[in-house]
Amino acid sequence: MIKILLVGIGRWGANHLRVLSSLPIEFYVADLSPKRLEEAKKLGIPEARLSTDYKQFAEIVDAAVIVTPAQSHFPLCQEFLKAGKDVFVEKPLTLTSDESKALTELVSSTARVLQVGHIFRYDPASTWLKNAIQSGDLGKINILRGHFGGFKRPRNDSGVMFADGIHFVDLFNYFLGATPVSVQAIHHDFMGRNMEDFSLVSMEYDTIYGKTWATVETEYFIPGKFRDVTVVGDKMTAVCDYNLPQNKIKTFENSHVREGNDFKGVEGKITQVETAKEEPLLAELAAFLKSIESRKQPLADVWSGYHSVMVLNAALESLKTNGPVRIAK
């Protein structure tokens, strides 16, 4: 059996604990809190495989799953990769482009697997949307819009853009198979924590599909829970609600028709798209195990992590210049 060490069982790490404990692995868990480790014990994990010090198991395992504060991702990834271990790390890969690029080089030199927790890539709805874009079923893609928000407790290791906005930034990179050519952001810190709690990131893509404009909005305030993506093509628009357990997508065959010097909006056929029910966290962790066995880099590889961090660093730079920041290819 593959030996996996989970480092960190906080708010999101508790979900990793639940899923990993159900997989056919030899499972070890480390967390600074003895109280949290009691939760792992309740799931049947032997006490001998639980520790407040991850170094106790670092040498004996094959891979680490890192679900710790964002600032710790780079040193932990670096440590495990240099020790010859494969790594799954929650997003963001790091907080800076330089650190993320260093990890791409380390993965290359060590031939280890590194998977980033870009969980939306592993949702069947995302697969359908990417295929619809690539096949041309939606036509030329003019607009991508994402809203990842809702009233909840804010994270304290990063602003909302790195905490949540990165999900849809990566997803749009994945859909178009490219990174933006320019980025601009608007941030607000309504709670006065010295990190943004409202973020609007605007991106311009120039790909084989033509020019596409994308926006990602994230916040902690609007009542409800929003995980919405809209893909606007010149033939059809697809709207995806990632909160739904399955059948998350509807398509709309709407069009603007010229009448003399004016246009009218014509609402067309609405279709409910059938997609499979699957837990994305289970899918991405199962994919990590397959990558360990096959030695092939995963769908959400280290480069996807680097590119999303690069976009968000450009967004931060745009706040200083009050204008769009070009991203070098």
C-alpha atoms as a PDB file:
ATOM      1  CA  MET A   1       0.000   0.000   0.000  1.00  0.00           C
ATOM      2  CA  ILE A   2       1.043   3.577  -0.667  1.00  0.00           C
ATOM      3  CA  LYS A   3       1.987   5.354   2.546  1.00  0.00           C
ATOM      4  CA  ILE A   4       0.435   8.828   2.754  1.00  0.00           C
ATOM      5  CA  LEU A   5       1.011  11.500   5.406  1.00  0.00           C
ATOM      6  CA  LEU A   6      -1.646  14.171   5.847  1.00  0.00           C
ATOM      7  CA  VAL A   7      -0.128  17.350   7.279  1.00  0.00           C
ATOM      8  CA  GLY A   8      -2.838  19.597   8.738  1.00  0.00           C
ATOM      9  CA  ILE A   9      -6.427  18.746   9.684  1.00  0.00           C
ATOM     10  CA  GLY A  10      -7.926  22.189  10.162  1.00  0.00           C
ATOM     11  CA  ARG A  11     -11.148  23.405   8.575  1.00  0.00           C
ATOM     12  CA  TRP A  12     -10.476  22.057   5.052  1.00  0.00           C
ATOM     13  CA  GLY A  13      -7.954  19.472   6.194  1.00  0.00           C
ATOM     14  CA  ALA A  14     -10.774  17.728   8.062  1.00  0.00           C
ATOM     15  CA  ASN A  15     -12.335  16.936   4.668  1.00  0.00           C
ATOM     16  CA  HIS A  16      -9.043  15.499   3.445  1.00  0.00           C
ATOM     17  CA  LEU A  17      -8.939  13.408   6.617  1.00  0.00           C
ATOM     18  CA  ARG A  18     -12.409  12.018   5.913  1.00  0.00           C
ATOM     19  CA  VAL A  19     -11.692  11.154   2.282  1.00  0.00           C
ATOM     20  CA  LEU A  20      -8.158   9.809   2.725  1.00  0.00           C
ATOM     21  CA  SER A  21      -9.270   7.576   5.594  1.00  0.00           C
ATOM     22  CA  SER A  22     -11.666   5.885   3.150  1.00  0.00           C
ATOM     23  CA  LEU A  23      -9.005   5.112   0.534  1.00  0.00           C
ATOM     24  CA  PRO A  24      -6.864   1.938   0.343  1.00  0.00           C
ATOM     25  CA  ILE A  25      -3.664   3.502   1.709  1.00  0.00           C
ATOM     26  CA  GLU A  26      -1.437   3.236   4.758  1.00  0.00           C
ATOM     27  CA  PHE A  27      -2.453   6.485   6.383  1.00  0.00           C
ATOM     28  CA  TYR A  28      -0.543   8.768   8.743  1.00  0.00           C
ATOM     29  CA  VAL A  29      -1.728  12.100  10.159  1.00  0.00           C
ATOM     30  CA  ALA A  30       0.114  15.057  11.690  1.00  0.00           C
ATOM     31  CA  ASP A  31      -1.339  18.197  13.211  1.00  0.00           C
ATOM     32  CA  LEU A  32      -0.105  20.612  15.866  1.00  0.00           C
ATOM     33  CA  SER A  33      -3.362  20.203  17.822  1.00  0.00           C
ATOM     34  CA  PRO A  34      -3.806  17.056  19.964  1.00  0.00           C
ATOM     35  CA  LYS A  35      -7.545  17.823  20.014  1.00  0.00           C
ATOM     36  CA  ARG A  36      -7.760  17.570  16.238  1.00  0.00           C
ATOM     37  CA  LEU A  37      -5.802  14.329  16.316  1.00  0.00           C
ATOM     38  CA  GLU A  38      -8.525  12.909  18.546  1.00  0.00           C
ATOM     39  CA  GLU A  39     -10.903  13.320  15.590  1.00  0.00           C
ATOM     40  CA  ALA A  40      -8.545  11.238  13.469  1.00  0.00           C
ATOM     41  CA  LYS A  41      -8.463   8.568  16.170  1.00  0.00           C
ATOM     42  CA  LYS A  42     -12.276   8.403  16.083  1.00  0.00           C
ATOM     43  CA  LEU A  43     -12.023   7.429  12.399  1.00  0.00           C
ATOM     44  CA  GLY A  44     -10.006   4.367  13.376  1.00  0.00           C
ATOM     45  CA  ILE A  45      -6.519   5.607  12.584  1.00  0.00           C
ATOM     46  CA  PRO A  46      -4.094   3.901  15.011  1.00  0.00           C
ATOM     47  CA  GLU A  47      -2.551   6.174  17.628  1.00  0.00           C
ATOM     48  CA  ALA A  48       0.908   5.076  16.454  1.00  0.00           C
ATOM     49  CA  ARG A  49       0.177   6.813  13.139  1.00  0.00           C
ATOM     50  CA  LEU A  50      -0.818  10.122  14.723  1.00  0.00           C
ATOM     51  CA  SER A  51       1.620  12.854  15.751  1.00  0.00           C
ATOM     52  CA  THR A  52       1.901  16.555  16.489  1.00  0.00           C
ATOM     53  CA  ASP A  53       5.238  16.486  14.597  1.00  0.00           C
ATOM     54  CA  TYR A  54       5.067  15.591  10.894  1.00  0.00           C
ATOM     55  CA  LYS A  55       8.812  14.864  10.867  1.00  0.00           C
ATOM     56  CA  GLN A  56       8.109  11.708  12.877  1.00  0.00           C
ATOM     57  CA  PHE A  57       6.646  10.102   9.724  1.00  0.00           C
ATOM     58  CA  ALA A  58       8.337  12.090   6.951  1.00  0.00           C
ATOM     59  CA  GLU A  59      10.983   9.486   6.178  1.00  0.00           C
ATOM     60  CA  ILE A  60       8.762   6.421   6.122  1.00  0.00           C
ATOM     61  CA  VAL A  61       5.935   7.651   3.876  1.00  0.00           C
ATOM     62  CA  ASP A  62       5.817   7.761   0.067  1.00  0.00           C
ATOM     63  CA  ALA A  63       3.938  11.048  -0.214  1.00  0.00           C
ATOM     64  CA  ALA A  64       2.577  13.997   1.737  1.00  0.00           C
ATOM     65  CA  VAL A  65      -0.763  15.794   1.488  1.00  0.00           C
ATOM     66  CA  ILE A  66      -0.193  19.349   2.724  1.00  0.00           C
ATOM     67  CA  VAL A  67      -3.247  21.241   4.007  1.00  0.00           C
ATOM     68  CA  THR A  68      -1.624  23.982   6.068  1.00  0.00           C
ATOM     69  CA  PRO A  69      -1.594  27.821   5.991  1.00  0.00           C
ATOM     70  CA  ALA A  70      -0.526  29.227   2.628  1.00  0.00           C
ATOM     71  CA  GLN A  71       2.731  30.705   3.959  1.00  0.00           C
ATOM     72  CA  SER A  72       3.962  27.210   4.846  1.00  0.00           C
ATOM     73  CA  HIS A  73       3.334  25.624   1.458  1.00  0.00           C
ATOM     74  CA  PHE A  74       6.670  26.499  -0.137  1.00  0.00           C
ATOM     75  CA  PRO A  75       8.987  25.275   2.644  1.00  0.00           C
ATOM     76  CA  LEU A  76       6.971  22.102   3.195  1.00  0.00           C
ATOM     77  CA  CYS A  77       6.774  21.248  -0.521  1.00  0.00           C
ATOM     78  CA  GLN A  78      10.466  21.940  -0.882  1.00  0.00           C
ATOM     79  CA  GLU A  79      11.320  19.750   2.097  1.00  0.00           C
ATOM     80  CA  PHE A  80       9.284  16.760   0.955  1.00  0.00           C
ATOM     81  CA  LEU A  81      10.320  16.972  -2.702  1.00  0.00           C
ATOM     82  CA  LYS A  82      14.010  17.138  -1.787  1.00  0.00           C
ATOM     83  CA  ALA A  83      13.473  14.092   0.424  1.00  0.00           C
ATOM     84  CA  GLY A  84      12.201  12.164  -2.599  1.00  0.00           C
ATOM     85  CA  LYS A  85       8.512  12.266  -1.684  1.00  0.00           C
ATOM     86  CA  ASP A  86       5.530  13.016  -3.904  1.00  0.00           C
ATOM     87  CA  VAL A  87       3.348  15.921  -2.811  1.00  0.00           C
ATOM     88  CA  PHE A  88      -0.253  17.054  -2.932  1.00  0.00           C
ATOM     89  CA  VAL A  89      -0.554  20.657  -1.739  1.00  0.00           C
ATOM     90  CA  GLU A  90      -3.702  22.671  -1.310  1.00  0.00           C
ATOM     91  CA  LYS A  91      -4.038  25.866  -3.312  1.00  0.00           C
ATOM     92  CA  PRO A  92      -2.403  28.282  -3.549  1.00  0.00           C
ATOM     93  CA  LEU A  93       0.789  26.481  -4.478  1.00  0.00           C
ATOM     94  CA  THR A  94       2.654  29.405  -2.879  1.00  0.00           C
ATOM     95  CA  LEU A  95       1.993  33.115  -2.416  1.00  0.00           C
ATOM     96  CA  THR A  96       4.676  34.347  -4.837  1.00  0.00           C
ATOM     97  CA  SER A  97       5.538  33.578  -8.450  1.00  0.00           C
ATOM     98  CA  ASP A  98       9.218  33.146  -7.600  1.00  0.00           C
ATOM     99  CA  GLU A  99       8.507  30.432  -5.043  1.00  0.00           C
ATOM    100  CA  SER A 100       6.069  28.685  -7.378  1.00  0.00           C
ATOM    101  CA  LYS A 101       8.594  28.765 -10.232  1.00  0.00           C
ATOM    102  CA  ALA A 102      11.226  27.308  -7.914  1.00  0.00           C
ATOM    103  CA  LEU A 103       8.907  24.378  -7.236  1.00  0.00           C
ATOM    104  CA  THR A 104       8.395  23.746 -10.973  1.00  0.00           C
ATOM    105  CA  GLU A 105      12.169  23.461 -11.290  1.00  0.00           C
ATOM    106  CA  LEU A 106      12.396  21.201  -8.253  1.00  0.00           C
ATOM    107  CA  VAL A 107       9.705  18.880  -9.608  1.00  0.00           C
ATOM    108  CA  SER A 108      11.610  18.690 -12.894  1.00  0.00           C
ATOM    109  CA  SER A 109      14.952  17.942 -11.252  1.00  0.00           C
ATOM    110  CA  THR A 110      13.616  15.377  -8.784  1.00  0.00           C
ATOM    111  CA  ALA A 111      11.076  13.701 -11.118  1.00  0.00           C
ATOM    112  CA  ARG A 112       8.561  13.737  -8.282  1.00  0.00           C
ATOM    113  CA  VAL A 113       4.799  14.197  -8.591  1.00  0.00           C
ATOM    114  CA  LEU A 114       3.353  17.470  -7.339  1.00  0.00           C
ATOM    115  CA  GLN A 115      -0.394  18.029  -7.512  1.00  0.00           C
ATOM    116  CA  VAL A 116      -2.077  21.298  -6.548  1.00  0.00           C
ATOM    117  CA  GLY A 117      -5.541  21.377  -4.977  1.00  0.00           C
ATOM    118  CA  HIS A 118      -7.306  22.976  -7.925  1.00  0.00           C
ATOM    119  CA  ILE A 119     -10.370  20.931  -7.106  1.00  0.00           C
ATOM    120  CA  PHE A 120     -12.721  22.335  -9.747  1.00  0.00           C
ATOM    121  CA  ARG A 121     -10.663  20.692 -12.504  1.00  0.00           C
ATOM    122  CA  TYR A 122     -11.906  17.353 -11.181  1.00  0.00           C
ATOM    123  CA  ASP A 123     -15.615  18.143 -11.343  1.00  0.00           C
ATOM    124  CA  PRO A 124     -17.475  16.411 -14.230  1.00  0.00           C
ATOM    125  CA  ALA A 125     -19.176  19.751 -14.957  1.00  0.00           C
ATOM    126  CA  SER A 126     -15.776  21.322 -15.648  1.00  0.00           C
ATOM    127  CA  THR A 127     -14.904  18.509 -18.030  1.00  0.00           C
ATOM    128  CA  TRP A 128     -18.142  19.139 -19.936  1.00  0.00           C
ATOM    129  CA  LEU A 129     -17.505  22.894 -20.122  1.00  0.00           C
ATOM    130  CA  LYS A 130     -13.918  22.465 -21.324  1.00  0.00           C
ATOM    131  CA  ASN A 131     -15.023  19.988 -24.005  1.00  0.00           C
ATOM    132  CA  ALA A 132     -17.834  22.317 -25.120  1.00  0.00           C
ATOM    133  CA  ILE A 133     -15.344  25.180 -25.463  1.00  0.00           C
ATOM    134  CA  GLN A 134     -12.794  23.087 -27.349  1.00  0.00           C
ATOM    135  CA  SER A 135     -15.357  21.550 -29.699  1.00  0.00           C
ATOM    136  CA  GLY A 136     -16.809  24.932 -30.638  1.00  0.00           C
ATOM    137  CA  ASP A 137     -20.299  23.969 -29.458  1.00  0.00           C
ATOM    138  CA  LEU A 138     -20.613  27.323 -27.685  1.00  0.00           C
ATOM    139  CA  GLY A 139     -19.036  29.252 -30.539  1.00  0.00           C
ATOM    140  CA  LYS A 140     -16.353  31.858 -29.992  1.00  0.00           C
ATOM    141  CA  ILE A 141     -15.928  32.400 -26.264  1.00  0.00           C
ATOM    142  CA  ASN A 142     -16.461  36.074 -25.543  1.00  0.00           C
ATOM    143  CA  ILE A 143     -16.918  36.166 -21.768  1.00  0.00           C
ATOM    144  CA  LEU A 144     -16.050  34.041 -18.752  1.00  0.00           C
ATOM    145  CA  ARG A 145     -17.566  35.102 -15.441  1.00  0.00           C
ATOM    146  CA  GLY A 146     -17.093  33.535 -12.026  1.00  0.00           C
ATOM    147  CA  HIS A 147     -18.495  34.382  -8.603  1.00  0.00           C
ATOM    148  CA  PHE A 148     -17.027  32.502  -5.649  1.00  0.00           C
ATOM    149  CA  GLY A 149     -18.505  34.049  -2.542  1.00  0.00           C
ATOM    150  CA  GLY A 150     -21.052  34.144   0.223  1.00  0.00           C
ATOM    151  CA  PHE A 151     -21.206  34.954   3.900  1.00  0.00           C
ATOM    152  CA  LYS A 152     -18.622  32.964   5.851  1.00  0.00           C
ATOM    153  CA  ARG A 153     -15.668  33.246   8.190  1.00  0.00           C
ATOM    154  CA  PRO A 154     -12.661  34.755   6.397  1.00  0.00           C
ATOM    155  CA  ARG A 155      -9.346  32.952   6.225  1.00  0.00           C
ATOM    156  CA  ASN A 156      -6.508  34.602   8.102  1.00  0.00           C
ATOM    157  CA  ASP A 157      -3.536  33.378   6.070  1.00  0.00           C
ATOM    158  CA  SER A 158      -4.381  35.284   2.883  1.00  0.00           C
ATOM    159  CA  GLY A 159      -6.894  37.654   1.340  1.00  0.00           C
ATOM    160  CA  VAL A 160     -10.007  36.392  -0.385  1.00  0.00           C
ATOM    161  CA  MET A 161      -8.364  36.454  -3.829  1.00  0.00           C
ATOM    162  CA  PHE A 162      -5.760  33.843  -2.878  1.00  0.00           C
ATOM    163  CA  ALA A 163      -8.197  31.995  -0.595  1.00  0.00           C
ATOM    164  CA  ASP A 164     -11.069  31.637  -3.069  1.00  0.00           C
ATOM    165  CA  GLY A 165     -10.625  33.633  -6.271  1.00  0.00           C
ATOM    166  CA  ILE A 166      -7.714  31.438  -7.315  1.00  0.00           C
ATOM    167  CA  HIS A 167     -10.161  28.566  -7.883  1.00  0.00           C
ATOM    168  CA  PHE A 168     -11.826  30.225 -10.857  1.00  0.00           C
ATOM    169  CA  VAL A 169      -8.652  31.895 -12.128  1.00  0.00           C
ATOM    170  CA  ASP A 170      -7.160  28.422 -12.489  1.00  0.00           C
ATOM    171  CA  LEU A 171     -10.407  27.052 -13.908  1.00  0.00           C
ATOM    172  CA  PHE A 172     -10.476  29.698 -16.653  1.00  0.00           C
ATOM    173  CA  ASN A 173      -6.821  28.964 -17.484  1.00  0.00           C
ATOM    174  CA  TYR A 174      -7.823  25.306 -17.731  1.00  0.00           C
ATOM    175  CA  PHE A 175     -10.845  25.994 -19.945  1.00  0.00           C
ATOM    176  CA  LEU A 176      -8.850  28.087 -22.440  1.00  0.00           C
ATOM    177  CA  GLY A 177      -5.546  26.213 -22.167  1.00  0.00           C
ATOM    178  CA  ALA A 178      -3.728  29.513 -21.622  1.00  0.00           C
ATOM    179  CA  THR A 179      -2.922  32.285 -19.179  1.00  0.00           C
ATOM    180  CA  PRO A 180      -4.201  35.854 -19.575  1.00  0.00           C
ATOM    181  CA  VAL A 181      -2.227  38.460 -21.503  1.00  0.00           C
ATOM    182  CA  SER A 182      -3.263  41.171 -19.020  1.00  0.00           C
ATOM    183  CA  VAL A 183      -4.762  41.389 -15.549  1.00  0.00           C
ATOM    184  CA  GLN A 184      -6.321  44.120 -13.448  1.00  0.00           C
ATOM    185  CA  ALA A 185      -7.846  43.977  -9.958  1.00  0.00           C
ATOM    186  CA  ILE A 186     -10.019  45.948  -7.565  1.00  0.00           C
ATOM    187  CA  HIS A 187      -9.753  45.089  -3.862  1.00  0.00           C
ATOM    188  CA  HIS A 188     -11.497  46.314  -0.724  1.00  0.00           C
ATOM    189  CA  ASP A 189     -10.719  45.610   2.941  1.00  0.00           C
ATOM    190  CA  PHE A 190     -14.066  46.301   4.565  1.00  0.00           C
ATOM    191  CA  MET A 191     -13.201  44.514   7.830  1.00  0.00           C
ATOM    192  CA  GLY A 192      -9.898  46.340   8.290  1.00  0.00           C
ATOM    193  CA  ARG A 193      -7.725  43.198   8.489  1.00  0.00           C
ATOM    194  CA  ASN A 194      -5.038  44.520   6.117  1.00  0.00           C
ATOM    195  CA  MET A 195      -6.047  41.935   3.523  1.00  0.00           C
ATOM    196  CA  GLU A 196      -8.818  42.140   0.960  1.00  0.00           C
ATOM    197  CA  ASP A 197     -12.235  40.686   1.734  1.00  0.00           C
ATOM    198  CA  PHE A 198     -13.705  41.756  -1.624  1.00  0.00           C
ATOM    199  CA  SER A 199     -11.858  41.124  -4.878  1.00  0.00           C
ATOM    200  CA  LEU A 200     -12.685  41.638  -8.523  1.00  0.00           C
ATOM    201  CA  VAL A 201     -10.088  40.353 -10.988  1.00  0.00           C
ATOM    202  CA  SER A 202     -10.435  41.189 -14.679  1.00  0.00           C
ATOM    203  CA  MET A 203      -8.441  39.199 -17.232  1.00  0.00           C
ATOM    204  CA  GLU A 204      -7.929  39.415 -20.986  1.00  0.00           C
ATOM    205  CA  TYR A 205      -7.102  36.209 -22.859  1.00  0.00           C
ATOM    206  CA  ASP A 206      -5.865  35.983 -26.442  1.00  0.00           C
ATOM    207  CA  THR A 207      -6.012  32.322 -27.490  1.00  0.00           C
ATOM    208  CA  ILE A 208      -6.813  30.066 -30.415  1.00  0.00           C
ATOM    209  CA  TYR A 209     -10.458  30.821 -29.568  1.00  0.00           C
ATOM    210  CA  GLY A 210      -9.889  34.552 -30.089  1.00  0.00           C
ATOM    211  CA  LYS A 211     -10.035  37.275 -27.463  1.00  0.00           C
ATOM    212  CA  THR A 212     -11.906  36.420 -24.261  1.00  0.00           C
ATOM    213  CA  TRP A 213     -12.647  38.705 -21.324  1.00  0.00           C
ATOM    214  CA  ALA A 214     -12.964  37.112 -17.902  1.00  0.00           C
ATOM    215  CA  THR A 215     -13.896  38.320 -14.435  1.00  0.00           C
ATOM    216  CA  VAL A 216     -13.640  36.570 -11.068  1.00  0.00           C
ATOM    217  CA  GLU A 217     -15.474  38.076  -8.098  1.00  0.00           C
ATOM    218  CA  THR A 218     -14.897  36.892  -4.537  1.00  0.00           C
ATOM    219  CA  GLU A 219     -16.171  38.176  -1.209  1.00  0.00           C
ATOM    220  CA  TYR A 220     -17.231  37.163   2.296  1.00  0.00           C
ATOM    221  CA  PHE A 221     -20.443  39.183   2.659  1.00  0.00           C
ATOM    222  CA  ILE A 222     -23.362  38.353   0.372  1.00  0.00           C
ATOM    223  CA  PRO A 223     -25.857  36.056   2.136  1.00  0.00           C
ATOM    224  CA  GLY A 224     -25.803  32.582   0.640  1.00  0.00           C
ATOM    225  CA  LYS A 225     -23.164  30.441  -0.997  1.00  0.00           C
ATOM    226  CA  PHE A 226     -22.115  31.164  -4.574  1.00  0.00           C
ATOM    227  CA  ARG A 227     -19.976  28.945  -6.808  1.00  0.00           C
ATOM    228  CA  ASP A 228     -21.193  30.135 -10.203  1.00  0.00           C
ATOM    229  CA  VAL A 229     -19.479  30.156 -13.595  1.00  0.00           C
ATOM    230  CA  THR A 230     -20.909  31.526 -16.837  1.00  0.00           C
ATOM    231  CA  VAL A 231     -19.362  30.838 -20.254  1.00  0.00           C
ATOM    232  CA  VAL A 232     -20.718  33.168 -22.929  1.00  0.00           C
ATOM    233  CA  GLY A 233     -20.154  32.054 -26.513  1.00  0.00           C
ATOM    234  CA  ASP A 234     -21.517  33.671 -29.676  1.00  0.00           C
ATOM    235  CA  LYS A 235     -23.610  30.538 -30.323  1.00  0.00           C
ATOM    236  CA  MET A 236     -24.658  29.533 -26.842  1.00  0.00           C
ATOM    237  CA  THR A 237     -24.181  30.416 -23.162  1.00  0.00           C
ATOM    238  CA  ALA A 238     -23.550  27.829 -20.441  1.00  0.00           C
ATOM    239  CA  VAL A 239     -24.303  28.567 -16.779  1.00  0.00           C
ATOM    240  CA  CYS A 240     -22.864  26.254 -14.133  1.00  0.00           C
ATOM    241  CA  ASP A 241     -23.818  26.154 -10.446  1.00  0.00           C
ATOM    242  CA  TYR A 242     -21.096  24.158  -8.713  1.00  0.00           C
ATOM    243  CA  ASN A 243     -23.182  24.030  -5.518  1.00  0.00           C
ATOM    244  CA  LEU A 244     -25.494  21.459  -7.080  1.00  0.00           C
ATOM    245  CA  PRO A 245     -24.650  17.763  -6.531  1.00  0.00           C
ATOM    246  CA  GLN A 246     -25.094  16.906 -10.222  1.00  0.00           C
ATOM    247  CA  ASN A 247     -26.594  18.243 -13.469  1.00  0.00           C
ATOM    248  CA  LYS A 248     -24.997  21.582 -12.686  1.00  0.00           C
ATOM    249  CA  ILE A 249     -25.121  23.124 -16.168  1.00  0.00           C
ATOM    250  CA  LYS A 250     -27.835  24.751 -18.241  1.00  0.00           C
ATOM    251  CA  THR A 251     -27.304  26.061 -21.752  1.00  0.00           C
ATOM    252  CA  PHE A 252     -29.140  28.997 -23.302  1.00  0.00           C
ATOM    253  CA  GLU A 253     -29.447  29.493 -27.055  1.00  0.00           C
ATOM    254  CA  ASN A 254     -30.017  33.236 -26.815  1.00  0.00           C
ATOM    255  CA  SER A 255     -29.057  35.683 -29.526  1.00  0.00           C
ATOM    256  CA  HIS A 256     -29.103  39.355 -30.460  1.00  0.00           C
ATOM    257  CA  VAL A 257     -30.767  39.929 -33.818  1.00  0.00           C
ATOM    258  CA  ARG A 258     -30.369  43.137 -35.807  1.00  0.00           C
ATOM    259  CA  GLU A 259     -33.533  45.006 -36.729  1.00  0.00           C
ATOM    260  CA  GLY A 260     -32.561  47.996 -38.826  1.00  0.00           C
ATOM    261  CA  ASN A 261     -30.282  50.119 -36.685  1.00  0.00           C
ATOM    262  CA  ASP A 262     -31.242  48.310 -33.496  1.00  0.00           C
ATOM    263  CA  PHE A 263     -30.818  44.891 -31.925  1.00  0.00           C
ATOM    264  CA  LYS A 264     -33.392  42.810 -30.132  1.00  0.00           C
ATOM    265  CA  GLY A 265     -32.694  40.053 -27.641  1.00  0.00           C
ATOM    266  CA  VAL A 266     -34.174  36.697 -28.626  1.00  0.00           C
ATOM    267  CA  GLU A 267     -34.373  34.088 -25.886  1.00  0.00           C
ATOM    268  CA  GLY A 268     -33.930  30.607 -27.291  1.00  0.00           C
ATOM    269  CA  LYS A 269     -33.941  27.009 -26.134  1.00  0.00           C
ATOM    270  CA  ILE A 270     -32.854  26.194 -22.580  1.00  0.00           C
ATOM    271  CA  THR A 271     -31.286  22.765 -22.050  1.00  0.00           C
ATOM    272  CA  GLN A 272     -30.450  21.000 -18.800  1.00  0.00           C
ATOM    273  CA  VAL A 273     -27.118  19.214 -19.222  1.00  0.00           C
ATOM    274  CA  GLU A 274     -26.754  15.846 -17.504  1.00  0.00           C
ATOM    275  CA  THR A 275     -23.443  15.346 -15.715  1.00  0.00           C
ATOM    276  CA  ALA A 276     -22.382  12.652 -13.276  1.00  0.00           C
ATOM    277  CA  LYS A 277     -22.564  12.982  -9.506  1.00  0.00           C
ATOM    278  CA  GLU A 278     -19.047  12.807  -8.097  1.00  0.00           C
ATOM    279  CA  GLU A 279     -17.274  14.260  -5.076  1.00  0.00           C
ATOM    280  CA  PRO A 280     -14.449  16.374  -6.550  1.00  0.00           C
ATOM    281  CA  LEU A 281     -12.234  16.009  -3.453  1.00  0.00           C
ATOM    282  CA  LEU A 282     -12.426  12.231  -3.714  1.00  0.00           C
ATOM    283  CA  ALA A 283     -11.754  12.448  -7.456  1.00  0.00           C
ATOM    284  CA  GLU A 284      -8.666  14.647  -7.067  1.00  0.00           C
ATOM    285  CA  LEU A 285      -7.163  12.574  -4.232  1.00  0.00           C
ATOM    286  CA  ALA A 286      -7.799   9.361  -6.162  1.00  0.00           C
ATOM    287  CA  ALA A 287      -6.076  11.007  -9.138  1.00  0.00           C
ATOM    288  CA  PHE A 288      -3.101  11.811  -6.904  1.00  0.00           C
ATOM    289  CA  LEU A 289      -2.750   8.148  -5.969  1.00  0.00           C
ATOM    290  CA  LYS A 290      -2.900   7.173  -9.652  1.00  0.00           C
ATOM    291  CA  SER A 291      -0.161   9.695 -10.459  1.00  0.00           C
ATOM    292  CA  ILE A 292       2.024   8.221  -7.729  1.00  0.00           C
ATOM    293  CA  GLU A 293       1.589   4.768  -9.276  1.00  0.00           C
ATOM    294  CA  SER A 294       1.906   5.809 -12.934  1.00  0.00           C
ATOM    295  CA  ARG A 295       4.608   8.471 -12.369  1.00  0.00           C
ATOM    296  CA  LYS A 296       2.655  10.802 -14.658  1.00  0.00           C
ATOM    297  CA  GLN A 297       2.062  14.411 -13.641  1.00  0.00           C
ATOM    298  CA  PRO A 298      -1.580  15.104 -12.713  1.00  0.00           C
ATOM    299  CA  LEU A 299      -4.189  17.275 -14.394  1.00  0.00           C
ATOM    300  CA  ALA A 300      -3.610  19.944 -11.730  1.00  0.00           C
ATOM    301  CA  ASP A 301       0.176  19.854 -11.960  1.00  0.00           C
ATOM    302  CA  VAL A 302       2.805  22.189 -10.544  1.00  0.00           C
ATOM    303  CA  TRP A 303       2.611  24.374 -13.661  1.00  0.00           C
ATOM    304  CA  SER A 304      -1.105  24.998 -13.139  1.00  0.00           C
ATOM    305  CA  GLY A 305      -0.239  26.124  -9.634  1.00  0.00           C
ATOM    306  CA  TYR A 306       2.515  28.407 -10.874  1.00  0.00           C
ATOM    307  CA  HIS A 307       0.363  29.993 -13.589  1.00  0.00           C
ATOM    308  CA  SER A 308      -2.514  30.792 -11.226  1.00  0.00           C
ATOM    309  CA  VAL A 309      -0.142  32.362  -8.691  1.00  0.00           C
ATOM    310  CA  MET A 310       1.505  34.334 -11.496  1.00  0.00           C
ATOM    311  CA  VAL A 311      -1.892  35.773 -12.501  1.00  0.00           C
ATOM    312  CA  LEU A 312      -2.740  36.746  -8.920  1.00  0.00           C
ATOM    313  CA  ASN A 313       0.660  38.362  -8.398  1.00  0.00           C
ATOM    314  CA  ALA A 314       0.000  40.417 -11.541  1.00  0.00           C
ATOM    315  CA  ALA A 315      -3.386  41.355 -10.070  1.00  0.00           C
ATOM    316  CA  LEU A 316      -1.632  42.619  -6.928  1.00  0.00           C
ATOM    317  CA  GLU A 317       0.784  44.617  -9.085  1.00  0.00           C
ATOM    318  CA  SER A 318      -2.149  46.230 -10.884  1.00  0.00           C
ATOM    319  CA  LEU A 319      -3.344  47.652  -7.566  1.00  0.00           C
ATOM    320  CA  LYS A 320      -0.116  49.623  -7.347  1.00  0.00           C
ATOM    321  CA  THR A 321      -0.301  50.946 -10.909  1.00  0.00           C
ATOM    322  CA  ASN A 322      -4.087  51.462 -11.019  1.00  0.00           C
ATOM    323  CA  GLY A 323      -4.090  49.889 -14.459  1.00  0.00           C
ATOM    324  CA  PRO A 324      -3.780  46.577 -16.298  1.00  0.00           C
ATOM    325  CA  VAL A 325      -0.557  44.592 -15.965  1.00  0.00           C
ATOM    326  CA  ARG A 326       0.718  42.714 -18.984  1.00  0.00           C
ATOM    327  CA  ILE A 327       1.856  39.128 -18.447  1.00  0.00           C
ATOM    328  CA  ALA A 328       4.879  38.054 -20.460  1.00  0.00           C
ATOM    329  CA  LYS A 329       4.524  34.803 -22.359  1.00  0.00           C
END
